Amino acid sequence: MTPEQRLNAEKSLALATALFPFEEWIPVEPNIWVAKRRLAEQYQEPKKWEKEMTQVRILTCRGSTAYFLPEDEKKDGKIKTCVDTVIDGELVELKTITGNRKTMGTAFKQGFKQGMAIRQDHPEIPIPTNSVFIRLLSDLSIGSVKAKIAGELKDRTENGSFICYFEHTEELHIWAYEELRYIIG
């Protein structure tokens, strides 16, 4: 493990533990930890479990460390859906998209909102970024994807990254939100 990977693993554990201080973290594969409360998904929803594991393996096989957060968080008597993971010290919502640009834009907005919701629910925790990972199964071009996400980020000032794995070319691209906002001025 490189010093950067070690630091990212430490940041991931620190953020996951700050968000869910009483959670037990179970190692399931190298660089992948899962909240004990979320492990039930493996048996109750095996297709969803495998899809999420496939998504996160794209990043962990490249040296990232991932912590799957509990599925739902109870806050003020209400159940709120939580962002999927902490990866390398950042909140990251995972999505797989098979549709067109509009479908991708909708999935991005939903993932972005999930990250923002947990940040708002925990103002005491300094969470500097809110990122979205999309595993893209359709054959949209890189330029088309960047332009669509740049449009979705218009008038937003939050920090984070858009991470996109293009299944048809097996390419992984990571763009900072700031870089994408620059496209639209």
N, C-alpha and C. Protein backbone atom coordinates (compact mmCIF):
# COMPACT_ATOMS: atom_id res chain seq x y z
N MET A 1 0.85 -1.17 0.00
CA MET A 1 0.00 0.00 0.00
C MET A 1 0.90 1.24 0.00
N THR A 2 0.61 2.15 -0.93
CA THR A 2 1.39 3.37 -1.01
C THR A 2 1.00 4.31 0.13
N PRO A 3 1.84 5.30 0.42
CA PRO A 3 1.47 6.28 1.46
C PRO A 3 0.15 6.99 1.14
N GLU A 4 -0.11 7.29 -0.12
CA GLU A 4 -1.36 7.95 -0.50
C GLU A 4 -2.56 7.02 -0.26
N GLN A 5 -2.41 5.74 -0.61
CA GLN A 5 -3.49 4.78 -0.36
C GLN A 5 -3.74 4.61 1.14
N ARG A 6 -2.68 4.59 1.91
CA ARG A 6 -2.82 4.47 3.37
C ARG A 6 -3.57 5.68 3.93
N LEU A 7 -3.21 6.87 3.46
CA LEU A 7 -3.87 8.10 3.90
C LEU A 7 -5.35 8.07 3.50
N ASN A 8 -5.65 7.66 2.26
CA ASN A 8 -7.03 7.58 1.82
C ASN A 8 -7.84 6.57 2.64
N ALA A 9 -7.21 5.46 3.00
CA ALA A 9 -7.88 4.45 3.84
C ALA A 9 -8.17 5.03 5.22
N GLU A 10 -7.23 5.77 5.77
CA GLU A 10 -7.43 6.39 7.09
C GLU A 10 -8.54 7.44 7.03
N LYS A 11 -8.56 8.25 5.96
CA LYS A 11 -9.59 9.28 5.80
C LYS A 11 -10.97 8.64 5.64
N SER A 12 -11.03 7.52 4.92
CA SER A 12 -12.31 6.83 4.72
C SER A 12 -12.85 6.31 6.03
N LEU A 13 -12.01 5.65 6.80
CA LEU A 13 -12.44 5.13 8.09
C LEU A 13 -12.86 6.27 9.02
N ALA A 14 -12.11 7.34 9.03
CA ALA A 14 -12.43 8.47 9.91
C ALA A 14 -13.79 9.07 9.57
N LEU A 15 -14.10 9.27 8.28
CA LEU A 15 -15.38 9.87 7.90
C LEU A 15 -16.52 8.89 8.16
N ALA A 16 -16.35 7.64 7.78
CA ALA A 16 -17.41 6.64 8.00
C ALA A 16 -17.72 6.53 9.49
N THR A 17 -16.71 6.52 10.32
CA THR A 17 -16.89 6.40 11.77
C THR A 17 -17.51 7.67 12.36
N ALA A 18 -17.14 8.82 11.83
CA ALA A 18 -17.74 10.07 12.32
C ALA A 18 -19.23 10.12 11.99
N LEU A 19 -19.60 9.64 10.80
CA LEU A 19 -21.01 9.65 10.40
C LEU A 19 -21.82 8.61 11.17
N PHE A 20 -21.22 7.45 11.42
CA PHE A 20 -21.90 6.34 12.08
C PHE A 20 -21.00 5.79 13.18
N PRO A 21 -20.92 6.51 14.31
CA PRO A 21 -19.95 6.16 15.35
C PRO A 21 -20.17 4.81 16.04
N PHE A 22 -21.36 4.27 15.98
CA PHE A 22 -21.62 3.01 16.66
C PHE A 22 -21.71 1.83 15.69
N GLU A 23 -21.34 2.07 14.44
CA GLU A 23 -21.42 1.03 13.43
C GLU A 23 -20.22 0.10 13.51
N GLU A 24 -20.45 -1.15 13.19
CA GLU A 24 -19.36 -2.12 13.08
C GLU A 24 -19.03 -2.27 11.60
N TRP A 25 -17.75 -2.16 11.27
CA TRP A 25 -17.30 -2.23 9.87
C TRP A 25 -16.71 -3.61 9.61
N ILE A 26 -17.24 -4.30 8.60
CA ILE A 26 -16.84 -5.67 8.30
C ILE A 26 -16.05 -5.67 6.99
N PRO A 27 -14.81 -6.20 6.99
CA PRO A 27 -14.07 -6.30 5.73
C PRO A 27 -14.64 -7.45 4.90
N VAL A 28 -14.99 -7.18 3.64
CA VAL A 28 -15.56 -8.22 2.78
C VAL A 28 -14.64 -8.60 1.62
N GLU A 29 -13.78 -7.69 1.24
CA GLU A 29 -12.78 -7.91 0.18
C GLU A 29 -11.65 -6.93 0.47
N PRO A 30 -10.50 -7.12 -0.19
CA PRO A 30 -9.44 -6.14 0.01
C PRO A 30 -9.94 -4.72 -0.32
N ASN A 31 -9.74 -3.81 0.61
CA ASN A 31 -10.08 -2.39 0.47
C ASN A 31 -11.58 -2.11 0.45
N ILE A 32 -12.41 -3.08 0.82
CA ILE A 32 -13.86 -2.87 0.87
C ILE A 32 -14.37 -3.28 2.25
N TRP A 33 -14.98 -2.31 2.94
CA TRP A 33 -15.57 -2.51 4.26
C TRP A 33 -17.06 -2.21 4.14
N VAL A 34 -17.86 -2.94 4.89
CA VAL A 34 -19.31 -2.77 4.82
C VAL A 34 -19.87 -2.61 6.23
N ALA A 35 -20.77 -1.65 6.39
CA ALA A 35 -21.47 -1.49 7.66
C ALA A 35 -22.23 -2.78 7.95
N LYS A 36 -22.13 -3.26 9.17
CA LYS A 36 -22.79 -4.51 9.54
C LYS A 36 -24.28 -4.47 9.21
N ARG A 37 -24.91 -3.31 9.44
CA ARG A 37 -26.34 -3.18 9.15
C ARG A 37 -26.65 -3.32 7.67
N ARG A 38 -25.67 -3.08 6.82
CA ARG A 38 -25.90 -3.17 5.38
C ARG A 38 -25.69 -4.58 4.83
N LEU A 39 -25.01 -5.41 5.57
CA LEU A 39 -24.72 -6.77 5.09
C LEU A 39 -25.98 -7.58 4.79
N ALA A 40 -27.09 -7.25 5.42
CA ALA A 40 -28.34 -7.98 5.15
C ALA A 40 -28.72 -7.88 3.68
N GLU A 41 -28.32 -6.77 3.03
CA GLU A 41 -28.61 -6.57 1.61
C GLU A 41 -28.05 -7.71 0.76
N GLN A 42 -26.92 -8.26 1.16
CA GLN A 42 -26.28 -9.34 0.41
C GLN A 42 -27.24 -10.53 0.25
N TYR A 43 -28.04 -10.76 1.25
CA TYR A 43 -28.96 -11.91 1.22
C TYR A 43 -30.37 -11.52 0.79
N GLN A 44 -30.81 -10.33 1.17
CA GLN A 44 -32.16 -9.89 0.85
C GLN A 44 -32.29 -9.38 -0.58
N GLU A 45 -31.26 -8.73 -1.07
CA GLU A 45 -31.27 -8.17 -2.42
C GLU A 45 -29.96 -8.51 -3.13
N PRO A 46 -29.74 -9.79 -3.48
CA PRO A 46 -28.44 -10.19 -4.04
C PRO A 46 -28.06 -9.50 -5.35
N LYS A 47 -29.05 -9.19 -6.21
CA LYS A 47 -28.72 -8.50 -7.47
C LYS A 47 -28.21 -7.09 -7.20
N LYS A 48 -28.88 -6.39 -6.28
CA LYS A 48 -28.44 -5.04 -5.93
C LYS A 48 -27.05 -5.08 -5.30
N TRP A 49 -26.84 -6.03 -4.41
CA TRP A 49 -25.55 -6.20 -3.75
C TRP A 49 -24.44 -6.40 -4.78
N GLU A 50 -24.65 -7.29 -5.72
CA GLU A 50 -23.61 -7.58 -6.71
C GLU A 50 -23.36 -6.37 -7.61
N LYS A 51 -24.42 -5.63 -7.95
CA LYS A 51 -24.25 -4.43 -8.78
C LYS A 51 -23.38 -3.40 -8.05
N GLU A 52 -23.67 -3.19 -6.76
CA GLU A 52 -22.89 -2.23 -6.00
C GLU A 52 -21.45 -2.69 -5.81
N MET A 53 -21.26 -3.97 -5.59
CA MET A 53 -19.89 -4.49 -5.45
C MET A 53 -19.13 -4.34 -6.76
N THR A 54 -19.78 -4.59 -7.87
CA THR A 54 -19.14 -4.42 -9.18
C THR A 54 -18.72 -2.97 -9.39
N GLN A 55 -19.60 -2.05 -8.99
CA GLN A 55 -19.28 -0.63 -9.13
C GLN A 55 -18.05 -0.25 -8.30
N VAL A 56 -18.05 -0.65 -7.05
CA VAL A 56 -16.98 -0.23 -6.16
C VAL A 56 -15.66 -0.92 -6.49
N ARG A 57 -15.72 -2.13 -7.01
CA ARG A 57 -14.48 -2.83 -7.40
C ARG A 57 -13.73 -2.09 -8.51
N ILE A 58 -14.45 -1.37 -9.34
CA ILE A 58 -13.80 -0.59 -10.40
C ILE A 58 -12.81 0.39 -9.78
N LEU A 59 -13.15 0.92 -8.62
CA LEU A 59 -12.28 1.88 -7.94
C LEU A 59 -11.27 1.20 -7.02
N THR A 60 -11.72 0.17 -6.28
CA THR A 60 -10.79 -0.46 -5.33
C THR A 60 -9.69 -1.24 -6.03
N CYS A 61 -9.95 -1.75 -7.22
CA CYS A 61 -8.88 -2.46 -7.93
C CYS A 61 -7.81 -1.49 -8.42
N ARG A 62 -8.10 -0.18 -8.35
CA ARG A 62 -7.14 0.86 -8.72
C ARG A 62 -6.51 1.50 -7.48
N GLY A 63 -6.76 0.90 -6.30
CA GLY A 63 -6.10 1.37 -5.09
C GLY A 63 -6.96 2.16 -4.12
N SER A 64 -8.22 2.39 -4.43
CA SER A 64 -9.09 3.12 -3.52
C SER A 64 -9.54 2.23 -2.37
N THR A 65 -10.01 2.87 -1.30
CA THR A 65 -10.59 2.17 -0.16
C THR A 65 -12.03 2.63 -0.03
N ALA A 66 -12.95 1.67 0.10
CA ALA A 66 -14.37 1.98 0.15
C ALA A 66 -15.01 1.45 1.43
N TYR A 67 -15.88 2.27 2.00
CA TYR A 67 -16.70 1.89 3.14
C TYR A 67 -18.16 2.06 2.72
N PHE A 68 -18.89 0.94 2.65
CA PHE A 68 -20.32 1.00 2.37
C PHE A 68 -21.03 1.44 3.64
N LEU A 69 -21.79 2.51 3.55
CA LEU A 69 -22.51 3.05 4.69
C LEU A 69 -23.83 2.30 4.87
N PRO A 70 -24.43 2.40 6.06
CA PRO A 70 -25.75 1.78 6.23
C PRO A 70 -26.74 2.33 5.20
N GLU A 71 -27.67 1.50 4.77
CA GLU A 71 -28.64 1.87 3.74
C GLU A 71 -29.51 3.05 4.15
N ASP A 72 -30.08 2.98 5.34
CA ASP A 72 -31.00 4.01 5.80
C ASP A 72 -30.55 4.54 7.14
N GLU A 73 -30.78 5.81 7.32
CA GLU A 73 -30.44 6.45 8.59
C GLU A 73 -31.72 6.99 9.21
N LYS A 74 -31.90 6.73 10.48
CA LYS A 74 -33.06 7.26 11.20
C LYS A 74 -32.67 8.60 11.80
N LYS A 75 -33.42 9.62 11.43
CA LYS A 75 -33.15 10.98 11.89
C LYS A 75 -34.48 11.62 12.27
N ASP A 76 -34.61 12.03 13.50
CA ASP A 76 -35.84 12.66 13.97
C ASP A 76 -37.07 11.79 13.71
N GLY A 77 -36.93 10.48 13.88
CA GLY A 77 -38.04 9.55 13.69
C GLY A 77 -38.34 9.22 12.23
N LYS A 78 -37.61 9.81 11.30
CA LYS A 78 -37.83 9.56 9.87
C LYS A 78 -36.67 8.72 9.34
N ILE A 79 -36.97 7.91 8.33
CA ILE A 79 -35.92 7.12 7.70
C ILE A 79 -35.48 7.84 6.43
N LYS A 80 -34.19 8.08 6.33
CA LYS A 80 -33.63 8.76 5.17
C LYS A 80 -32.66 7.82 4.45
N THR A 81 -32.76 7.79 3.13
CA THR A 81 -31.82 7.00 2.36
C THR A 81 -30.48 7.71 2.38
N CYS A 82 -29.45 6.96 2.61
CA CYS A 82 -28.10 7.49 2.78
C CYS A 82 -27.29 7.33 1.49
N VAL A 83 -26.29 8.15 1.34
CA VAL A 83 -25.34 7.98 0.25
C VAL A 83 -24.68 6.61 0.42
N ASP A 84 -24.28 5.98 -0.67
CA ASP A 84 -23.78 4.60 -0.64
C ASP A 84 -22.47 4.41 0.11
N THR A 85 -21.48 5.25 -0.19
CA THR A 85 -20.13 4.94 0.28
C THR A 85 -19.34 6.16 0.72
N VAL A 86 -18.27 5.85 1.42
CA VAL A 86 -17.16 6.78 1.59
C VAL A 86 -16.00 6.12 0.85
N ILE A 87 -15.44 6.82 -0.11
CA ILE A 87 -14.31 6.30 -0.88
C ILE A 87 -13.19 7.32 -0.81
N ASP A 88 -12.05 6.88 -0.34
CA ASP A 88 -10.87 7.74 -0.21
C ASP A 88 -11.19 9.03 0.54
N GLY A 89 -12.02 8.91 1.57
CA GLY A 89 -12.34 10.05 2.42
C GLY A 89 -13.41 10.97 1.89
N GLU A 90 -14.11 10.58 0.81
CA GLU A 90 -15.16 11.40 0.22
C GLU A 90 -16.47 10.64 0.18
N LEU A 91 -17.58 11.35 0.34
CA LEU A 91 -18.89 10.75 0.12
C LEU A 91 -19.03 10.47 -1.36
N VAL A 92 -19.45 9.25 -1.72
CA VAL A 92 -19.63 8.90 -3.12
C VAL A 92 -20.90 8.07 -3.26
N GLU A 93 -21.84 8.58 -4.05
CA GLU A 93 -23.04 7.83 -4.39
C GLU A 93 -22.75 7.05 -5.68
N LEU A 94 -23.16 5.78 -5.70
CA LEU A 94 -22.91 4.89 -6.83
C LEU A 94 -24.16 4.72 -7.67
N LYS A 95 -24.02 4.81 -8.99
CA LYS A 95 -25.15 4.61 -9.91
C LYS A 95 -24.66 3.81 -11.11
N THR A 96 -25.56 3.00 -11.67
CA THR A 96 -25.31 2.34 -12.95
C THR A 96 -26.40 2.80 -13.89
N ILE A 97 -26.01 3.26 -15.08
CA ILE A 97 -26.96 3.85 -16.03
C ILE A 97 -26.89 3.10 -17.35
N THR A 98 -28.07 2.76 -17.88
CA THR A 98 -28.14 2.12 -19.19
C THR A 98 -28.81 3.01 -20.22
N GLY A 99 -29.32 4.13 -19.81
CA GLY A 99 -30.12 4.97 -20.69
C GLY A 99 -29.36 6.06 -21.41
N ASN A 100 -30.09 7.12 -21.72
CA ASN A 100 -29.57 8.24 -22.49
C ASN A 100 -29.04 9.35 -21.58
N ARG A 101 -28.73 10.50 -22.18
CA ARG A 101 -28.20 11.63 -21.41
C ARG A 101 -29.16 12.10 -20.33
N LYS A 102 -30.44 12.12 -20.65
CA LYS A 102 -31.43 12.58 -19.67
C LYS A 102 -31.44 11.65 -18.46
N THR A 103 -31.42 10.35 -18.70
CA THR A 103 -31.39 9.37 -17.62
C THR A 103 -30.14 9.57 -16.76
N MET A 104 -29.02 9.79 -17.42
CA MET A 104 -27.76 10.01 -16.70
C MET A 104 -27.84 11.28 -15.86
N GLY A 105 -28.38 12.34 -16.43
CA GLY A 105 -28.53 13.59 -15.69
C GLY A 105 -29.42 13.44 -14.47
N THR A 106 -30.51 12.71 -14.62
CA THR A 106 -31.42 12.47 -13.50
C THR A 106 -30.73 11.67 -12.41
N ALA A 107 -30.00 10.63 -12.79
CA ALA A 107 -29.27 9.81 -11.81
C ALA A 107 -28.21 10.64 -11.10
N PHE A 108 -27.51 11.49 -11.84
CA PHE A 108 -26.50 12.35 -11.22
C PHE A 108 -27.14 13.27 -10.19
N LYS A 109 -28.24 13.93 -10.56
CA LYS A 109 -28.92 14.85 -9.63
C LYS A 109 -29.37 14.11 -8.38
N GLN A 110 -29.92 12.92 -8.55
CA GLN A 110 -30.37 12.14 -7.40
C GLN A 110 -29.19 11.80 -6.49
N GLY A 111 -28.10 11.33 -7.06
CA GLY A 111 -26.91 11.00 -6.28
C GLY A 111 -26.33 12.21 -5.58
N PHE A 112 -26.30 13.33 -6.27
CA PHE A 112 -25.79 14.58 -5.71
C PHE A 112 -26.64 14.98 -4.50
N LYS A 113 -27.96 14.89 -4.64
CA LYS A 113 -28.87 15.26 -3.54
C LYS A 113 -28.69 14.35 -2.34
N GLN A 114 -28.44 13.06 -2.58
CA GLN A 114 -28.23 12.15 -1.46
C GLN A 114 -26.98 12.55 -0.67
N GLY A 115 -25.94 12.92 -1.36
CA GLY A 115 -24.73 13.38 -0.69
C GLY A 115 -24.95 14.69 0.05
N MET A 116 -25.69 15.60 -0.55
CA MET A 116 -25.97 16.88 0.11
C MET A 116 -26.83 16.66 1.35
N ALA A 117 -27.76 15.73 1.29
CA ALA A 117 -28.64 15.48 2.44
C ALA A 117 -27.84 15.01 3.66
N ILE A 118 -26.90 14.12 3.46
CA ILE A 118 -26.12 13.64 4.61
C ILE A 118 -25.21 14.76 5.14
N ARG A 119 -24.73 15.61 4.26
CA ARG A 119 -23.92 16.74 4.72
C ARG A 119 -24.77 17.69 5.57
N GLN A 120 -26.00 17.94 5.14
CA GLN A 120 -26.89 18.83 5.89
C GLN A 120 -27.31 18.20 7.21
N ASP A 121 -27.45 16.87 7.23
CA ASP A 121 -27.85 16.18 8.45
C ASP A 121 -26.73 16.13 9.48
N HIS A 122 -25.51 16.34 9.04
CA HIS A 122 -24.35 16.27 9.94
C HIS A 122 -23.49 17.53 9.80
N PRO A 123 -24.04 18.69 10.15
CA PRO A 123 -23.26 19.93 10.00
C PRO A 123 -22.04 19.98 10.91
N GLU A 124 -22.04 19.15 11.96
CA GLU A 124 -20.92 19.12 12.89
C GLU A 124 -19.69 18.42 12.31
N ILE A 125 -19.86 17.71 11.20
CA ILE A 125 -18.76 16.97 10.59
C ILE A 125 -18.30 17.72 9.34
N PRO A 126 -17.04 18.10 9.28
CA PRO A 126 -16.56 18.79 8.07
C PRO A 126 -16.42 17.80 6.90
N ILE A 127 -17.40 17.83 6.01
CA ILE A 127 -17.41 16.96 4.83
C ILE A 127 -17.16 17.87 3.63
N PRO A 128 -15.93 17.91 3.15
CA PRO A 128 -15.59 18.89 2.12
C PRO A 128 -16.12 18.58 0.73
N THR A 129 -16.44 17.32 0.45
CA THR A 129 -16.82 16.97 -0.92
C THR A 129 -18.02 16.03 -0.93
N ASN A 130 -18.63 15.98 -2.09
CA ASN A 130 -19.81 15.15 -2.33
C ASN A 130 -19.70 14.71 -3.79
N SER A 131 -19.33 13.47 -4.02
CA SER A 131 -19.06 13.00 -5.37
C SER A 131 -20.09 11.97 -5.83
N VAL A 132 -20.16 11.79 -7.15
CA VAL A 132 -21.07 10.81 -7.75
C VAL A 132 -20.26 9.96 -8.72
N PHE A 133 -20.46 8.63 -8.61
CA PHE A 133 -19.83 7.67 -9.53
C PHE A 133 -20.94 7.08 -10.39
N ILE A 134 -20.75 7.11 -11.69
CA ILE A 134 -21.69 6.48 -12.61
C ILE A 134 -20.94 5.46 -13.46
N ARG A 135 -21.44 4.24 -13.41
CA ARG A 135 -20.99 3.19 -14.32
C ARG A 135 -21.94 3.25 -15.52
N LEU A 136 -21.42 3.70 -16.64
CA LEU A 136 -22.22 3.98 -17.82
C LEU A 136 -22.20 2.79 -18.77
N LEU A 137 -23.36 2.15 -18.93
CA LEU A 137 -23.45 0.97 -19.79
C LEU A 137 -23.82 1.33 -21.23
N SER A 138 -24.32 2.53 -21.46
CA SER A 138 -24.63 2.96 -22.83
C SER A 138 -23.37 3.55 -23.46
N ASP A 139 -23.43 3.81 -24.75
CA ASP A 139 -22.23 4.25 -25.46
C ASP A 139 -22.19 5.75 -25.72
N LEU A 140 -22.55 6.53 -24.72
CA LEU A 140 -22.44 7.99 -24.83
C LEU A 140 -20.97 8.39 -24.92
N SER A 141 -20.70 9.46 -25.64
CA SER A 141 -19.32 9.92 -25.79
C SER A 141 -18.86 10.67 -24.53
N ILE A 142 -17.57 10.76 -24.37
CA ILE A 142 -17.00 11.48 -23.24
C ILE A 142 -17.45 12.94 -23.26
N GLY A 143 -17.40 13.56 -24.42
CA GLY A 143 -17.80 14.96 -24.54
C GLY A 143 -19.26 15.17 -24.18
N SER A 144 -20.13 14.27 -24.60
CA SER A 144 -21.54 14.37 -24.30
C SER A 144 -21.79 14.22 -22.80
N VAL A 145 -21.11 13.29 -22.18
CA VAL A 145 -21.25 13.07 -20.75
C VAL A 145 -20.77 14.29 -19.97
N LYS A 146 -19.60 14.81 -20.32
CA LYS A 146 -19.07 15.98 -19.62
C LYS A 146 -20.01 17.17 -19.75
N ALA A 147 -20.52 17.39 -20.95
CA ALA A 147 -21.42 18.52 -21.18
C ALA A 147 -22.70 18.38 -20.36
N LYS A 148 -23.26 17.19 -20.29
CA LYS A 148 -24.49 16.97 -19.54
C LYS A 148 -24.28 17.22 -18.04
N ILE A 149 -23.22 16.68 -17.50
CA ILE A 149 -22.97 16.85 -16.07
C ILE A 149 -22.60 18.30 -15.77
N ALA A 150 -21.88 18.96 -16.67
CA ALA A 150 -21.58 20.38 -16.48
C ALA A 150 -22.87 21.18 -16.38
N GLY A 151 -23.83 20.85 -17.22
CA GLY A 151 -25.13 21.53 -17.16
C GLY A 151 -25.86 21.28 -15.85
N GLU A 152 -25.73 20.07 -15.32
CA GLU A 152 -26.37 19.73 -14.04
C GLU A 152 -25.71 20.48 -12.88
N LEU A 153 -24.47 20.86 -13.03
CA LEU A 153 -23.74 21.56 -11.96
C LEU A 153 -23.90 23.08 -12.03
N LYS A 154 -24.56 23.57 -13.07
CA LYS A 154 -24.75 25.01 -13.23
C LYS A 154 -25.39 25.58 -11.97
N ASP A 155 -24.88 26.68 -11.52
CA ASP A 155 -25.37 27.39 -10.34
C ASP A 155 -25.15 26.64 -9.03
N ARG A 156 -24.30 25.64 -9.01
CA ARG A 156 -23.93 24.93 -7.78
C ARG A 156 -22.47 25.27 -7.47
N THR A 157 -22.17 25.38 -6.21
CA THR A 157 -20.81 25.75 -5.83
C THR A 157 -20.09 24.66 -5.04
N GLU A 158 -20.76 23.54 -4.79
CA GLU A 158 -20.16 22.49 -3.97
C GLU A 158 -18.94 21.87 -4.65
N ASN A 159 -18.07 21.33 -3.79
CA ASN A 159 -16.88 20.65 -4.27
C ASN A 159 -17.15 19.15 -4.35
N GLY A 160 -16.43 18.51 -5.22
CA GLY A 160 -16.53 17.07 -5.38
C GLY A 160 -16.04 16.68 -6.75
N SER A 161 -16.33 15.44 -7.11
CA SER A 161 -15.91 14.92 -8.41
C SER A 161 -17.02 14.11 -9.04
N PHE A 162 -17.04 14.13 -10.35
CA PHE A 162 -17.88 13.22 -11.10
C PHE A 162 -16.95 12.13 -11.62
N ILE A 163 -17.26 10.90 -11.23
CA ILE A 163 -16.44 9.75 -11.61
C ILE A 163 -17.27 8.91 -12.56
N CYS A 164 -16.77 8.66 -13.75
CA CYS A 164 -17.54 7.93 -14.75
C CYS A 164 -16.71 6.79 -15.32
N TYR A 165 -17.28 5.60 -15.25
CA TYR A 165 -16.66 4.42 -15.87
C TYR A 165 -17.46 4.10 -17.12
N PHE A 166 -16.79 4.23 -18.26
CA PHE A 166 -17.41 3.94 -19.55
C PHE A 166 -17.22 2.45 -19.84
N GLU A 167 -18.28 1.69 -19.62
CA GLU A 167 -18.22 0.23 -19.74
C GLU A 167 -17.78 -0.20 -21.14
N HIS A 168 -18.28 0.47 -22.19
CA HIS A 168 -18.00 0.02 -23.56
C HIS A 168 -16.53 0.22 -23.95
N THR A 169 -15.83 1.14 -23.30
CA THR A 169 -14.40 1.33 -23.61
C THR A 169 -13.50 0.94 -22.44
N GLU A 170 -14.13 0.59 -21.30
CA GLU A 170 -13.42 0.23 -20.07
C GLU A 170 -12.49 1.35 -19.60
N GLU A 171 -12.97 2.60 -19.77
CA GLU A 171 -12.20 3.77 -19.35
C GLU A 171 -12.83 4.40 -18.11
N LEU A 172 -11.99 4.81 -17.19
CA LEU A 172 -12.43 5.51 -15.99
C LEU A 172 -11.96 6.96 -16.11
N HIS A 173 -12.89 7.88 -15.92
CA HIS A 173 -12.58 9.31 -15.95
C HIS A 173 -13.07 9.96 -14.68
N ILE A 174 -12.28 10.88 -14.16
CA ILE A 174 -12.65 11.62 -12.96
C ILE A 174 -12.46 13.10 -13.25
N TRP A 175 -13.55 13.84 -13.07
CA TRP A 175 -13.51 15.28 -13.30
C TRP A 175 -13.97 16.00 -12.03
N ALA A 176 -13.21 16.98 -11.59
CA ALA A 176 -13.64 17.82 -10.47
C ALA A 176 -14.83 18.65 -10.93
N TYR A 177 -15.76 18.89 -10.01
CA TYR A 177 -16.92 19.71 -10.37
C TYR A 177 -16.49 21.07 -10.90
N GLU A 178 -15.46 21.63 -10.29
CA GLU A 178 -14.97 22.93 -10.73
C GLU A 178 -14.56 22.89 -12.21
N GLU A 179 -13.87 21.83 -12.60
CA GLU A 179 -13.44 21.65 -13.99
C GLU A 179 -14.65 21.57 -14.92
N LEU A 180 -15.69 20.86 -14.51
CA LEU A 180 -16.89 20.72 -15.35
C LEU A 180 -17.66 22.03 -15.43
N ARG A 181 -17.74 22.75 -14.31
CA ARG A 181 -18.44 24.05 -14.33
C ARG A 181 -17.74 25.03 -15.27
N TYR A 182 -16.43 24.90 -15.38
CA TYR A 182 -15.66 25.79 -16.26
C TYR A 182 -16.12 25.66 -17.72
N ILE A 183 -16.57 24.48 -18.11
CA ILE A 183 -17.03 24.24 -19.47
C ILE A 183 -18.17 25.18 -19.85
N ILE A 184 -19.07 25.42 -18.90
CA ILE A 184 -20.24 26.25 -19.22
C ILE A 184 -20.06 27.70 -18.79
N GLY A 185 -18.87 28.01 -18.30
CA GLY A 185 -18.57 29.41 -17.95
C GLY A 185 -19.08 29.72 -16.60
